[in-house]
Amino acid sequence: MFGKTYSATPADIEKKWVLIDASGLVVGRLASLIALRLRGKHKATFTPHMDDGDNIIVVNADKVVLTGRKREQKVYYHHTGFPGGIKERSAKFILEGRFPERVLEKAVQRMLPRGPLGRQQLSNLRVYKGAAHPHEAQNPQTLDVAALNVKNSRSA
């Protein structure tokens, strides 16, 4: 009479490789789409306790766009571990610095669940600041995020 609830097993999981060119894309919108695909929620076979998301490669992460005045005003905090050791950096400082890809990495990380599964899913994300990446052998499929919604891309 009623169907059984589907639950994926490790043998059922098929991971695709997806390539995203981040130049001109809005950080938050891109991060939410990446987090959704890392978790596997775009698949009909989604199982909450399994890592059945895709492997995602992001290139040109240094060319992402922050809307409004976030580039100057958004602040990233970290703590050194010493009393009074809270430090802050602006998004502009990080994007113009040595590791501009960390802005996108942090945005995605904070959209994934905390815990062992979330950390495992985050390890399926590879972000590169330039156009080159070492994953040509995996034959990644290109995903045009800008074509999905007009608001996803913006000129710098």
Protein backbone atom coordinates (compact mmCIF):
# COMPACT_ATOMS: atom_id res chain seq x y z
CA MET A 1 0.00 0.00 0.00
CA PHE A 2 2.67 2.53 0.97
CA GLY A 3 6.20 2.75 -0.45
CA LYS A 4 9.22 2.51 1.79
CA THR A 5 11.40 5.50 2.52
CA TYR A 6 14.51 5.40 0.32
CA SER A 7 17.84 5.46 2.12
CA ALA A 8 21.06 5.49 0.10
CA THR A 9 23.87 3.07 0.94
CA PRO A 10 27.55 3.67 0.13
CA ALA A 11 27.20 1.38 -2.92
CA ASP A 12 24.37 3.56 -4.35
CA ILE A 13 26.30 6.83 -4.20
CA GLU A 14 27.53 8.30 -7.48
CA LYS A 15 29.58 11.46 -7.23
CA LYS A 16 29.91 13.76 -10.22
CA TRP A 17 32.62 16.36 -10.77
CA VAL A 18 31.30 19.89 -11.35
CA LEU A 19 33.33 22.90 -12.50
CA ILE A 20 32.15 26.44 -11.66
CA ASP A 21 33.74 29.64 -12.96
CA ALA A 22 33.20 32.17 -10.16
CA SER A 23 34.24 35.35 -12.01
CA GLY A 24 31.57 38.01 -11.57
CA LEU A 25 29.34 35.83 -9.38
CA VAL A 26 27.81 37.02 -6.09
CA VAL A 27 29.47 35.27 -3.11
CA GLY A 28 26.42 34.38 -1.00
CA ARG A 29 24.33 33.09 -3.90
CA LEU A 30 27.23 31.02 -5.23
CA ALA A 31 28.01 29.67 -1.74
CA SER A 32 24.43 28.56 -1.12
CA LEU A 33 24.33 26.74 -4.48
CA ILE A 34 27.67 25.04 -3.73
CA ALA A 35 26.54 24.03 -0.22
CA LEU A 36 23.35 22.52 -1.66
CA ARG A 37 25.34 20.45 -4.17
CA LEU A 38 27.98 19.40 -1.62
CA ARG A 39 25.23 18.00 0.63
CA GLY A 40 23.52 16.27 -2.30
CA LYS A 41 20.15 17.93 -1.72
CA HIS A 42 19.72 18.46 -5.49
CA LYS A 43 19.46 14.68 -5.96
CA ALA A 44 16.34 12.55 -5.56
CA THR A 45 18.52 10.06 -3.65
CA PHE A 46 19.38 12.56 -0.86
CA THR A 47 20.00 10.83 2.45
CA PRO A 48 20.71 13.14 5.44
CA HIS A 49 23.36 10.96 7.11
CA MET A 50 25.33 10.10 3.93
CA ASP A 51 27.83 12.12 1.93
CA ASP A 52 26.19 11.79 -1.50
CA GLY A 53 26.96 15.28 -2.84
CA ASP A 54 29.12 16.14 -5.82
CA ASN A 55 32.80 17.06 -6.00
CA ILE A 56 32.96 20.76 -6.85
CA ILE A 57 35.84 22.69 -8.41
CA VAL A 58 35.65 26.49 -8.31
CA VAL A 59 38.04 28.54 -10.45
CA ASN A 60 38.62 32.33 -10.52
CA ALA A 61 37.56 32.64 -6.86
CA ASP A 62 39.48 35.91 -6.63
CA LYS A 63 36.99 37.51 -9.06
CA VAL A 64 33.85 36.98 -6.91
CA VAL A 65 31.63 39.97 -6.19
CA LEU A 66 30.16 41.20 -2.90
CA THR A 67 27.00 43.30 -3.28
CA GLY A 68 26.41 46.66 -1.64
CA ARG A 69 29.26 47.96 0.52
CA LYS A 70 30.16 44.52 1.92
CA ARG A 71 33.60 44.58 0.28
CA GLU A 72 34.65 47.42 2.61
CA GLN A 73 32.30 46.81 5.56
CA LYS A 74 32.11 43.02 5.99
CA VAL A 75 34.42 41.89 8.75
CA TYR A 76 35.88 38.42 9.33
CA TYR A 77 36.90 37.66 12.93
CA HIS A 78 39.31 35.07 14.30
CA HIS A 79 40.75 34.50 17.75
CA THR A 80 44.40 33.84 18.52
CA GLY A 81 43.58 31.85 21.65
CA PHE A 82 45.11 34.42 23.99
CA PRO A 83 43.05 36.73 26.24
CA GLY A 84 41.90 39.73 24.22
CA GLY A 85 43.21 38.06 21.09
CA ILE A 86 40.29 38.71 18.75
CA LYS A 87 41.46 39.90 15.34
CA GLU A 88 39.45 41.25 12.45
CA ARG A 89 39.98 41.63 8.72
CA SER A 90 37.77 43.23 6.08
CA ALA A 91 36.59 41.30 3.03
CA LYS A 92 38.58 43.71 0.83
CA PHE A 93 41.79 42.93 2.76
CA ILE A 94 41.30 39.16 2.25
CA LEU A 95 40.24 39.41 -1.42
CA GLU A 96 43.29 41.54 -2.25
CA GLY A 97 45.58 39.37 -0.12
CA ARG A 98 47.42 36.10 -0.63
CA PHE A 99 44.44 33.72 -0.27
CA PRO A 100 41.35 35.42 -1.82
CA GLU A 101 39.64 32.02 -2.19
CA ARG A 102 39.08 31.89 1.59
CA VAL A 103 36.13 34.30 1.36
CA LEU A 104 34.19 31.75 -0.69
CA GLU A 105 35.47 28.78 1.34
CA LYS A 106 34.29 30.36 4.61
CA ALA A 107 30.90 31.28 3.12
CA VAL A 108 30.34 27.65 2.04
CA GLN A 109 31.71 26.21 5.30
CA ARG A 110 29.27 28.26 7.35
CA MET A 111 26.33 27.00 5.26
CA LEU A 112 27.16 23.33 5.85
CA PRO A 113 26.19 21.49 9.04
CA ARG A 114 28.79 21.43 11.81
CA GLY A 115 30.19 18.02 12.68
CA PRO A 116 32.04 15.12 11.07
CA LEU A 117 29.69 14.81 8.07
CA GLY A 118 29.85 18.54 7.33
CA ARG A 119 33.66 18.43 7.42
CA GLN A 120 33.68 15.43 5.07
CA GLN A 121 31.35 17.21 2.64
CA LEU A 122 33.51 20.35 2.75
CA SER A 123 36.53 18.26 1.71
CA ASN A 124 34.75 17.66 -1.63
CA LEU A 125 35.12 21.38 -2.44
CA ARG A 126 38.24 22.62 -4.22
CA VAL A 127 38.64 26.37 -4.69
CA TYR A 128 41.34 27.98 -6.85
CA LYS A 129 42.04 31.70 -7.23
CA GLY A 130 43.15 31.43 -10.87
CA ALA A 131 41.66 29.79 -13.95
CA ALA A 132 43.90 26.70 -13.74
CA HIS A 133 43.05 23.56 -11.77
CA PRO A 134 44.69 20.10 -11.51
CA HIS A 135 41.47 18.07 -11.98
CA GLU A 136 41.28 17.80 -15.79
CA ALA A 137 41.47 13.99 -15.58
CA GLN A 138 38.11 13.85 -13.76
CA ASN A 139 36.35 15.45 -16.78
CA PRO A 140 34.27 17.89 -14.71
CA GLN A 141 30.97 19.11 -16.15
CA THR A 142 30.71 22.91 -16.33
CA LEU A 143 27.84 24.50 -14.41
CA ASP A 144 26.81 27.98 -15.60
CA VAL A 145 25.62 29.59 -12.36
CA ALA A 146 25.09 33.00 -14.00
CA ALA A 147 22.47 31.53 -16.36
CA LEU A 148 20.42 30.05 -13.47
CA ASN A 149 19.29 33.44 -12.16
CA VAL A 150 19.90 37.03 -13.27
CA LYS A 151 20.82 38.02 -9.70
CA ASN A 152 23.64 35.42 -9.49
CA SER A 153 26.10 37.57 -11.44
CA ARG A 154 27.05 41.18 -11.07
CA SER A 155 29.76 43.38 -12.52
CA ALA A 156 32.48 44.34 -10.06
